[in-house]
Amino acid sequence: MRNRWQKGLATAAAAMMLWGCGDNRLQAEPLAVVQEHDLCGVINAQGNFLVPLGYDRIIPWDNGALLVKKGDKCGVLNREGKVIVPVEYLTILIPNHGKTYLVENNEAHWGAYNSEGQLLLTAVYDEITAAAENNDSFAVRQGTEWRLVRRDGSPLGNEVFDYIGEFNEEMLAPVKKKDKWGYVNDNGKIVIDLQFDGAKEFSGGLAAVKQQGSWGFIDKLGIMKIQPQFSEVFSGFSESLAAVQSPQGKGYIDKHGILLLPRDSRYLGPFKNGVAEIHEVKKKLNIWSSLAYGASIALGSIGLPPKNALKSNEKRGFINRQGKEIVSTSFDEVMPFADDMSVVRKDKKWGAISRDGKNDISPRYLAMRSFGEGVAAVYTGSSWQIIDKLGRTVKELPAEVTDAGVMSEGLLPVCIGEKWGYMNKEGTVVIAPNFGHAGSFTDKN
């Protein structure tokens, strides 16, 4: 279950200090997560605490909530520190619509709260996979039986299944019973008969289903729009393209099943904002092993090449919807696009490439942060600088700056000595360096 949802605090703590968040019910105000003496809090752009230091971890979420951890317990707060979900659970998961919190207690039982903090389902279930957007129905498991229940826990219909998956944007979930798959709606009604050998969640208006060993795609009425012909579906439709293994080869198909972008890559990611991440394995000769093997041949030895003579290196890059590599698959690491730029690493140096492929900052920095508001912080080996999207130096940061973050809301997190604070675009410290760590500001709801 946990890999089917956006993850909550217990499994995403590593991201906790990079983001701030607004609140759906109040006018958005830039916020940032800060840390001091191993405790986290939330400040506003004036440096005033809205949530005092008191938590081991804080992760602002897109729905305006703050997921928090204290010891081994998790909970949810609003931006002012008011408790929405009590800080007493082992795990908290959030469905994509962001209007429900699924919680796991000490007994490994699951329950649910709504975004206002009302307890909907008492934590008595072995698993919960689906929550309707209006919180009127949930897919739950007790023992080996899955069923849909209302928010008061009463059964929604008489059907019992072997498995129920996640609701999609059409509020349809894949269900399994006696080795056959179909789809159920959030009212508990089977709307696509259990007739398939496999079924995946809907995405982009279509769902992958398996018949006689091959995958095809159906629409929400159960009509087969793309006939079964694929041996594997790597990712469902996103921006009208899906990654599959087709009879013509591996790559991306359109909604007619035509292989538009052949791509025999190790990994084919979903398209987002016109680009998709891909991974390819490059063979790199280990020169020292090869020389040693060559010497052994010259001396009359007979044998196979040493196992490490060829090293497999997985390289990363991005393609656009035309299949062009806008970021070549030559990098050891590529970061998601931020401010239309992807920060990339080759060997031990960092650079960046724009989404349209026109701006190329070759890897030459020892450290580099993501772009924000048109600039990025970089470390040259002797100092931290702010550069623009063409790689030009906009500002040299003072020598006492030992680290920096991402520019947001006109404020740049900087480490001066061993403490973090914030500078404005002119390089003036506007929030004193009083924190053990400081994240970027954002007013995102």
Protein backbone atom coordinates (compact mmCIF):
# COMPACT_ATOMS: atom_id res chain seq x y z
CA MET A 1 0.00 0.00 0.00
CA ARG A 2 2.65 2.50 1.00
CA ASN A 3 4.16 2.72 -2.46
CA ARG A 4 0.77 3.51 -3.98
CA TRP A 5 0.24 6.80 -2.20
CA GLN A 6 2.05 10.02 -1.84
CA LYS A 7 4.03 9.29 1.29
CA GLY A 8 3.67 11.03 4.61
CA LEU A 9 6.17 12.03 7.22
CA ALA A 10 7.38 8.61 8.30
CA THR A 11 8.80 7.81 4.86
CA ALA A 12 9.66 11.23 3.40
CA ALA A 13 11.61 12.93 6.16
CA ALA A 14 14.56 13.55 3.87
CA ALA A 15 12.61 16.27 2.03
CA MET A 16 11.47 18.01 5.15
CA MET A 17 13.56 21.13 5.15
CA LEU A 18 13.42 22.15 1.54
CA TRP A 19 9.88 23.49 1.46
CA GLY A 20 7.46 25.83 3.16
CA CYS A 21 3.71 25.87 2.67
CA GLY A 22 0.60 28.00 2.91
CA ASP A 23 -2.82 27.08 4.22
CA ASN A 24 -5.97 26.48 2.16
CA ARG A 25 -8.20 28.37 4.56
CA LEU A 26 -6.08 31.50 5.06
CA GLN A 27 -4.44 33.99 2.73
CA ALA A 28 -1.15 32.46 1.68
CA GLU A 29 1.92 33.85 3.43
CA PRO A 30 5.47 32.75 2.66
CA LEU A 31 6.64 30.22 5.24
CA ALA A 32 9.79 28.18 5.77
CA VAL A 33 10.83 25.25 7.94
CA VAL A 34 13.83 25.90 10.20
CA GLN A 35 15.77 23.73 12.62
CA GLU A 36 17.73 24.44 15.78
CA HIS A 37 19.08 22.06 18.41
CA ASP A 38 17.57 19.15 16.41
CA LEU A 39 14.07 20.65 16.69
CA CYS A 40 12.02 22.06 13.80
CA GLY A 41 9.60 24.97 13.60
CA VAL A 42 8.04 27.24 10.97
CA ILE A 43 8.78 30.96 10.47
CA ASN A 44 7.31 33.71 8.29
CA ALA A 45 9.24 36.07 6.04
CA GLN A 46 9.89 38.38 8.98
CA GLY A 47 11.60 35.60 10.89
CA ASN A 48 8.79 35.22 13.42
CA PHE A 49 7.77 31.75 14.53
CA LEU A 50 4.31 30.58 13.50
CA VAL A 51 5.02 27.05 14.75
CA PRO A 52 7.59 27.10 17.59
CA LEU A 53 10.55 24.76 17.62
CA GLY A 54 9.27 21.51 19.05
CA TYR A 55 9.25 18.74 16.43
CA ASP A 56 11.88 16.36 15.14
CA ARG A 57 10.65 16.76 11.56
CA ILE A 58 8.19 18.98 9.68
CA ILE A 59 7.08 18.38 6.09
CA PRO A 60 4.77 21.03 4.57
CA TRP A 61 2.32 19.44 2.14
CA ASP A 62 0.70 20.79 -1.02
CA ASN A 63 -2.73 20.82 0.64
CA GLY A 64 -1.56 23.41 3.17
CA ALA A 65 -0.93 21.07 6.08
CA LEU A 66 2.22 20.45 8.10
CA LEU A 67 3.10 16.81 8.66
CA VAL A 68 5.12 16.54 11.84
CA LYS A 69 7.12 13.92 13.71
CA LYS A 70 7.96 13.87 17.40
CA GLY A 71 9.91 10.85 18.55
CA ASP A 72 8.39 7.94 16.66
CA LYS A 73 4.93 9.55 16.45
CA CYS A 74 3.41 11.47 13.53
CA GLY A 75 0.59 13.98 13.26
CA VAL A 76 -0.73 16.90 11.19
CA LEU A 77 -0.87 20.61 12.07
CA ASN A 78 -2.17 23.68 10.32
CA ARG A 79 0.20 26.58 9.62
CA GLU A 80 -0.42 28.10 13.04
CA GLY A 81 0.46 24.93 14.88
CA LYS A 82 -3.09 23.82 15.65
CA VAL A 83 -3.42 20.04 15.74
CA ILE A 84 -5.49 18.54 12.90
CA VAL A 85 -4.44 14.92 13.41
CA PRO A 86 -3.09 14.04 16.89
CA VAL A 87 0.63 13.36 17.05
CA GLU A 88 0.16 9.73 18.03
CA TYR A 89 0.44 7.67 14.82
CA LEU A 90 3.27 5.62 13.31
CA THR A 91 2.52 6.56 9.69
CA ILE A 92 0.37 9.09 7.87
CA LEU A 93 -0.43 8.77 4.15
CA ILE A 94 -2.21 11.28 1.92
CA PRO A 95 -4.21 10.31 -1.19
CA ASN A 96 -3.57 12.42 -4.28
CA HIS A 97 -6.62 14.62 -3.78
CA GLY A 98 -5.20 15.74 -0.43
CA LYS A 99 -8.50 15.75 1.45
CA THR A 100 -7.88 12.69 3.62
CA TYR A 101 -5.25 11.52 6.08
CA LEU A 102 -4.85 7.77 6.44
CA VAL A 103 -3.25 6.90 9.77
CA GLU A 104 -1.57 3.80 11.22
CA ASN A 105 -1.52 3.26 14.99
CA ASN A 106 0.77 1.22 17.24
CA GLU A 107 -1.21 -1.96 16.55
CA ALA A 108 -0.64 -1.61 12.77
CA HIS A 109 -4.31 -0.76 12.29
CA TRP A 110 -5.48 1.97 9.95
CA GLY A 111 -8.08 4.72 10.17
CA ALA A 112 -8.87 8.04 8.47
CA TYR A 113 -9.32 11.76 9.18
CA ASN A 114 -10.59 14.48 6.87
CA SER A 115 -8.60 17.63 6.15
CA GLU A 116 -10.44 19.51 8.91
CA GLY A 117 -9.29 16.99 11.49
CA GLN A 118 -12.55 15.07 11.92
CA LEU A 119 -12.05 11.37 12.65
CA LEU A 120 -13.87 9.48 9.91
CA LEU A 121 -12.80 5.86 10.40
CA THR A 122 -11.55 4.49 13.69
CA ALA A 123 -8.19 2.72 13.31
CA VAL A 124 -9.43 -0.87 13.24
CA TYR A 125 -8.54 -1.90 9.65
CA ASP A 126 -5.57 -3.93 8.47
CA GLU A 127 -5.20 -1.75 5.38
CA ILE A 128 -6.84 1.17 3.56
CA THR A 129 -5.99 1.81 -0.09
CA ALA A 130 -8.67 4.10 -1.46
CA ALA A 131 -10.48 7.18 -0.21
CA ALA A 132 -13.12 8.92 -2.32
CA GLU A 133 -12.50 12.64 -2.82
CA ASN A 134 -15.65 13.52 -0.89
CA ASN A 135 -14.66 11.07 1.89
CA ASP A 136 -17.95 9.20 1.50
CA SER A 137 -16.33 5.83 0.81
CA PHE A 138 -13.13 3.94 1.56
CA ALA A 139 -11.55 0.67 0.43
CA VAL A 140 -10.54 -1.31 3.54
CA ARG A 141 -9.15 -4.73 4.39
CA GLN A 142 -9.88 -6.81 7.47
CA GLY A 143 -8.13 -10.16 7.40
CA THR A 144 -8.16 -11.30 3.78
CA GLU A 145 -11.41 -9.57 2.81
CA TRP A 146 -11.60 -6.22 1.06
CA ARG A 147 -14.75 -4.15 0.87
CA LEU A 148 -15.95 -0.59 0.43
CA VAL A 149 -17.31 1.13 3.52
CA ARG A 150 -18.98 4.44 4.26
CA ARG A 151 -17.39 7.05 6.50
CA ASP A 152 -19.21 5.55 9.47
CA GLY A 153 -17.68 2.14 8.72
CA SER A 154 -20.90 0.53 7.48
CA PRO A 155 -20.55 -1.68 4.35
CA LEU A 156 -21.21 -0.02 1.02
CA GLY A 157 -22.87 -2.90 -0.78
CA ASN A 158 -22.43 -6.63 -0.26
CA GLU A 159 -19.45 -7.25 -2.51
CA VAL A 160 -16.28 -8.64 -0.95
CA PHE A 161 -13.01 -8.66 -2.94
CA ASP A 162 -9.52 -10.10 -2.78
CA TYR A 163 -8.07 -6.65 -3.41
CA ILE A 164 -9.17 -3.05 -4.06
CA GLY A 165 -6.77 -0.50 -5.54
CA GLU A 166 -6.66 3.27 -5.53
CA PHE A 167 -9.40 5.56 -6.85
CA ASN A 168 -8.44 7.62 -9.89
CA GLU A 169 -9.71 10.97 -11.09
CA GLU A 170 -12.84 9.24 -12.39
CA MET A 171 -13.37 7.68 -8.92
CA LEU A 172 -12.86 4.18 -10.31
CA ALA A 173 -10.69 1.62 -8.53
CA PRO A 174 -9.35 -1.74 -9.81
CA VAL A 175 -10.68 -4.75 -7.89
CA LYS A 176 -9.70 -8.41 -7.86
CA LYS A 177 -11.85 -11.45 -7.10
CA LYS A 178 -11.01 -15.08 -7.84
CA ASP A 179 -8.07 -14.09 -10.06
CA LYS A 180 -10.17 -11.79 -12.23
CA TRP A 181 -10.00 -8.00 -12.29
CA GLY A 182 -12.54 -5.27 -12.95
CA TYR A 183 -13.41 -1.81 -11.65
CA VAL A 184 -15.71 -0.45 -8.96
CA ASN A 185 -16.92 3.11 -8.42
CA ASP A 186 -16.99 5.05 -5.16
CA ASN A 187 -20.61 3.98 -4.59
CA GLY A 188 -19.54 0.37 -4.36
CA LYS A 189 -20.98 -0.61 -7.73
CA ILE A 190 -19.02 -2.80 -10.16
CA VAL A 191 -19.01 -0.67 -13.30
CA ILE A 192 -16.54 -2.75 -15.38
CA ASP A 193 -17.03 -6.50 -15.00
CA LEU A 194 -14.33 -8.69 -13.49
CA GLN A 195 -13.03 -10.14 -16.75
CA PHE A 196 -9.33 -9.27 -16.93
CA ASP A 197 -6.20 -11.14 -15.85
CA GLY A 198 -4.68 -7.91 -14.54
CA ALA A 199 -5.64 -4.27 -14.15
CA LYS A 200 -3.91 -1.01 -13.25
CA GLU A 201 -5.25 2.33 -12.02
CA PHE A 202 -6.68 4.79 -14.53
CA SER A 203 -4.44 7.62 -15.67
CA GLY A 204 -5.09 10.09 -18.43
CA GLY A 205 -8.57 8.64 -18.96
CA LEU A 206 -7.37 5.10 -19.75
CA ALA A 207 -6.40 2.05 -17.71
CA ALA A 208 -4.08 -0.82 -18.62
CA VAL A 209 -5.71 -4.28 -18.47
CA LYS A 210 -4.30 -7.72 -19.20
CA GLN A 211 -5.90 -10.43 -21.34
CA GLN A 212 -4.30 -13.67 -22.50
CA GLY A 213 -0.85 -12.53 -21.45
CA SER A 214 -0.86 -9.10 -23.11
CA TRP A 215 -1.76 -5.61 -21.94
CA GLY A 216 -4.17 -3.20 -23.61
CA PHE A 217 -6.05 -0.10 -22.52
CA ILE A 218 -9.74 0.52 -21.75
CA ASP A 219 -11.73 3.69 -21.15
CA LYS A 220 -13.98 4.38 -18.17
CA LEU A 221 -16.87 2.56 -19.89
CA GLY A 222 -14.79 -0.59 -20.19
CA ILE A 223 -14.40 -0.27 -23.96
CA MET A 224 -11.08 -1.58 -25.23
CA LYS A 225 -9.50 1.47 -26.87
CA ILE A 226 -6.08 -0.11 -27.50
CA GLN A 227 -6.11 -3.86 -28.13
CA PRO A 228 -3.96 -6.10 -25.89
CA GLN A 229 -0.52 -6.32 -27.52
CA PHE A 230 2.02 -5.12 -24.97
CA SER A 231 4.17 -7.42 -22.86
CA GLU A 232 4.66 -4.71 -20.22
CA VAL A 233 3.28 -1.30 -19.25
CA PHE A 234 5.93 0.76 -17.47
CA SER A 235 3.80 3.83 -16.83
CA GLY A 236 0.23 4.77 -17.65
CA PHE A 237 -0.86 7.70 -19.79
CA SER A 238 0.54 11.05 -18.79
CA GLU A 239 0.24 13.97 -21.18
CA SER A 240 -1.28 11.50 -23.69
CA LEU A 241 1.76 9.19 -23.75
CA ALA A 242 2.36 5.83 -22.01
CA ALA A 243 5.58 3.85 -21.68
CA VAL A 244 5.26 0.23 -22.84
CA GLN A 245 7.07 -2.78 -24.29
CA SER A 246 5.34 -3.18 -27.65
CA PRO A 247 5.77 -5.68 -30.51
CA GLN A 248 7.66 -2.92 -32.34
CA GLY A 249 9.95 -2.29 -29.38
CA LYS A 250 10.12 -0.34 -26.16
CA GLY A 251 9.00 3.28 -25.93
CA TYR A 252 6.04 5.64 -25.68
CA ILE A 253 2.69 5.11 -27.40
CA ASP A 254 -0.16 7.53 -28.05
CA LYS A 255 -3.82 6.85 -27.26
CA HIS A 256 -4.21 4.99 -30.55
CA GLY A 257 -1.52 2.51 -29.52
CA ILE A 258 0.97 3.82 -32.08
CA LEU A 259 4.61 3.72 -30.99
CA LEU A 260 5.52 7.38 -31.42
CA LEU A 261 8.76 7.49 -29.48
CA PRO A 262 10.83 4.29 -29.72
CA ARG A 263 13.23 4.24 -26.80
CA ASP A 264 15.12 1.18 -25.64
CA SER A 265 16.05 2.70 -22.28
CA ARG A 266 16.48 0.99 -18.94
CA TYR A 267 13.93 3.36 -17.38
CA LEU A 268 11.16 5.34 -19.04
CA GLY A 269 9.52 7.86 -16.74
CA PRO A 270 6.12 9.50 -17.17
CA PHE A 271 5.88 12.80 -19.01
CA LYS A 272 5.42 15.90 -16.91
CA ASN A 273 5.35 19.43 -18.31
CA GLY A 274 6.54 18.12 -21.64
CA VAL A 275 9.56 16.11 -20.50
CA ALA A 276 10.28 12.59 -19.24
CA GLU A 277 13.29 11.27 -17.35
CA ILE A 278 15.06 8.31 -18.93
CA HIS A 279 17.93 6.06 -17.80
CA GLU A 280 20.30 4.18 -20.06
CA VAL A 281 23.09 1.74 -19.27
CA LYS A 282 26.38 2.73 -20.83
CA LYS A 283 29.29 0.33 -21.01
CA LYS A 284 32.52 1.83 -19.75
CA LEU A 285 35.85 0.09 -20.20
CA ASN A 286 37.88 -0.35 -17.05
CA ILE A 287 41.26 0.55 -18.53
CA TRP A 288 43.42 -0.94 -15.78
CA SER A 289 41.71 -4.32 -15.85
CA SER A 290 41.87 -4.30 -19.64
CA LEU A 291 45.58 -3.55 -19.63
CA ALA A 292 46.17 -6.35 -17.12
CA TYR A 293 44.19 -8.77 -19.29
CA GLY A 294 46.10 -7.68 -22.36
CA ALA A 295 49.38 -8.25 -20.53
CA SER A 296 48.29 -11.74 -19.51
CA ILE A 297 47.57 -12.59 -23.13
CA ALA A 298 50.94 -11.23 -24.19
CA LEU A 299 52.59 -13.48 -21.61
CA GLY A 300 50.83 -16.50 -22.98
CA SER A 301 48.04 -16.86 -20.40
CA ILE A 302 44.65 -18.10 -21.51
CA GLY A 303 41.39 -17.12 -19.86
CA LEU A 304 38.24 -15.03 -19.90
CA PRO A 305 38.27 -11.23 -19.45
CA PRO A 306 38.07 -10.22 -15.79
CA LYS A 307 34.53 -9.57 -14.57
CA ASN A 308 35.24 -5.89 -13.93
CA ALA A 309 36.78 -5.25 -17.36
CA LEU A 310 33.45 -3.76 -18.42
CA LYS A 311 31.51 -1.64 -15.94
CA SER A 312 27.82 -0.89 -16.43
CA ASN A 313 26.97 2.74 -15.73
CA GLU A 314 23.36 3.88 -15.62
CA LYS A 315 23.21 7.38 -17.03
CA ARG A 316 20.28 9.76 -16.79
CA GLY A 317 18.71 12.43 -18.95
CA PHE A 318 15.42 13.89 -20.23
CA ILE A 319 13.56 13.68 -23.53
CA ASN A 320 10.81 15.94 -24.85
CA ARG A 321 7.58 14.90 -26.54
CA GLN A 322 9.35 14.72 -29.89
CA GLY A 323 11.78 12.15 -28.46
CA LYS A 324 14.74 14.52 -28.55
CA GLU A 325 17.20 14.32 -25.68
CA ILE A 326 17.04 17.82 -24.24
CA VAL A 327 19.28 16.57 -21.45
CA SER A 328 21.55 13.88 -22.87
CA THR A 329 21.77 10.52 -21.14
CA SER A 330 25.33 11.20 -20.07
CA PHE A 331 24.79 12.36 -16.50
CA ASP A 332 25.22 10.48 -13.25
CA GLU A 333 22.36 12.43 -11.68
CA VAL A 334 19.61 14.74 -12.93
CA MET A 335 17.31 16.73 -10.69
CA PRO A 336 13.62 17.45 -11.44
CA PHE A 337 13.07 20.66 -13.37
CA ALA A 338 12.67 23.71 -11.17
CA ASP A 339 12.24 27.17 -12.65
CA ASP A 340 12.54 25.42 -16.05
CA MET A 341 16.08 24.23 -15.26
CA SER A 342 17.41 20.78 -14.33
CA VAL A 343 20.53 20.62 -12.21
CA VAL A 344 22.78 17.78 -13.42
CA ARG A 345 25.91 15.99 -12.17
CA LYS A 346 28.67 14.41 -14.21
CA ASP A 347 31.41 12.73 -12.22
CA LYS A 348 31.81 15.13 -9.28
CA LYS A 349 30.85 18.39 -11.01
CA TRP A 350 27.46 20.08 -11.28
CA GLY A 351 25.81 22.08 -14.04
CA ALA A 352 22.31 22.73 -15.43
CA ILE A 353 20.26 22.51 -18.62
CA SER A 354 17.04 24.34 -19.50
CA ARG A 355 13.75 22.60 -20.33
CA ASP A 356 13.93 23.83 -23.93
CA GLY A 357 17.55 22.65 -24.20
CA LYS A 358 18.78 26.11 -25.21
CA ASN A 359 20.66 27.00 -22.03
CA ASP A 360 23.52 24.69 -21.11
CA ILE A 361 25.68 25.30 -18.06
CA SER A 362 28.40 22.67 -18.32
CA PRO A 363 29.21 20.77 -15.12
CA ARG A 364 31.96 22.78 -13.44
CA TYR A 365 30.77 23.49 -9.90
CA LEU A 366 31.55 21.46 -6.79
CA ALA A 367 28.02 22.12 -5.48
CA MET A 368 24.88 23.57 -7.01
CA ARG A 369 21.35 24.21 -5.77
CA SER A 370 18.14 24.21 -7.79
CA PHE A 371 17.10 27.33 -9.66
CA GLY A 372 14.56 29.67 -8.14
CA GLU A 373 13.44 33.07 -9.43
CA GLY A 374 15.91 32.83 -12.28
CA VAL A 375 19.06 32.21 -10.23
CA ALA A 376 20.92 29.39 -8.50
CA ALA A 377 23.54 29.19 -5.78
CA VAL A 378 26.80 27.46 -6.77
CA TYR A 379 30.08 26.64 -5.06
CA THR A 380 33.22 27.11 -7.12
CA GLY A 381 35.63 25.60 -4.62
CA SER A 382 36.67 28.96 -3.25
CA SER A 383 33.35 30.76 -2.76
CA TRP A 384 29.59 30.63 -3.13
CA GLN A 385 28.06 32.61 -5.98
CA ILE A 386 24.66 33.35 -7.47
CA ILE A 387 24.44 32.64 -11.21
CA ASP A 388 21.72 33.18 -13.81
CA LYS A 389 20.35 30.68 -16.32
CA LEU A 390 23.18 31.43 -18.75
CA GLY A 391 25.79 30.61 -16.13
CA ARG A 392 26.78 34.23 -15.63
CA THR A 393 27.76 35.34 -12.13
CA VAL A 394 25.09 37.64 -10.74
CA LYS A 395 26.60 38.09 -7.29
CA GLU A 396 29.54 36.87 -5.27
CA LEU A 397 28.36 35.92 -1.80
CA PRO A 398 30.41 37.08 1.18
CA ALA A 399 33.34 34.87 2.16
CA GLU A 400 31.66 33.97 5.45
CA VAL A 401 28.86 32.13 3.56
CA THR A 402 29.65 28.40 3.81
CA ASP A 403 26.48 27.01 2.21
CA ALA A 404 23.32 28.22 0.48
CA GLY A 405 19.85 27.03 -0.51
CA VAL A 406 17.25 27.92 -3.14
CA MET A 407 16.08 31.48 -3.81
CA SER A 408 12.34 31.85 -3.16
CA GLU A 409 10.09 34.79 -2.35
CA GLY A 410 13.14 37.02 -2.73
CA LEU A 411 14.96 35.27 0.11
CA LEU A 412 17.99 32.98 -0.07
CA PRO A 413 18.80 30.57 2.79
CA VAL A 414 22.49 30.95 3.65
CA CYS A 415 24.80 29.36 6.18
CA ILE A 416 27.17 31.81 7.83
CA GLY A 417 29.67 29.90 9.87
CA GLU A 418 27.54 27.12 11.34
CA LYS A 419 24.19 28.94 11.50
CA TRP A 420 21.55 29.50 8.84
CA GLY A 421 19.62 32.68 8.06
CA TYR A 422 18.34 34.50 4.97
CA MET A 423 19.68 37.09 2.54
CA ASN A 424 17.70 39.19 0.09
CA LYS A 425 18.62 39.53 -3.58
CA GLU A 426 20.97 42.38 -2.79
CA GLY A 427 22.99 40.16 -0.47
CA THR A 428 21.79 41.80 2.74
CA VAL A 429 21.07 39.53 5.70
CA VAL A 430 17.40 40.12 6.54
CA ILE A 431 16.82 37.20 8.93
CA ALA A 432 19.72 36.66 11.28
CA PRO A 433 21.57 33.33 11.15
CA ASN A 434 20.11 31.72 14.25
CA PHE A 435 19.18 28.28 12.94
CA GLY A 436 20.87 24.92 12.57
CA HIS A 437 19.23 24.66 9.13
CA ALA A 438 16.78 26.74 7.10
CA GLY A 439 14.58 25.82 4.16
CA SER A 440 13.27 27.88 1.27
CA PHE A 441 10.19 30.07 1.54
CA THR A 442 7.06 29.43 -0.46
CA ASP A 443 3.47 30.62 -0.44
CA LYS A 444 2.21 27.49 -2.26
CA ASN A 445 -1.21 26.32 -1.14
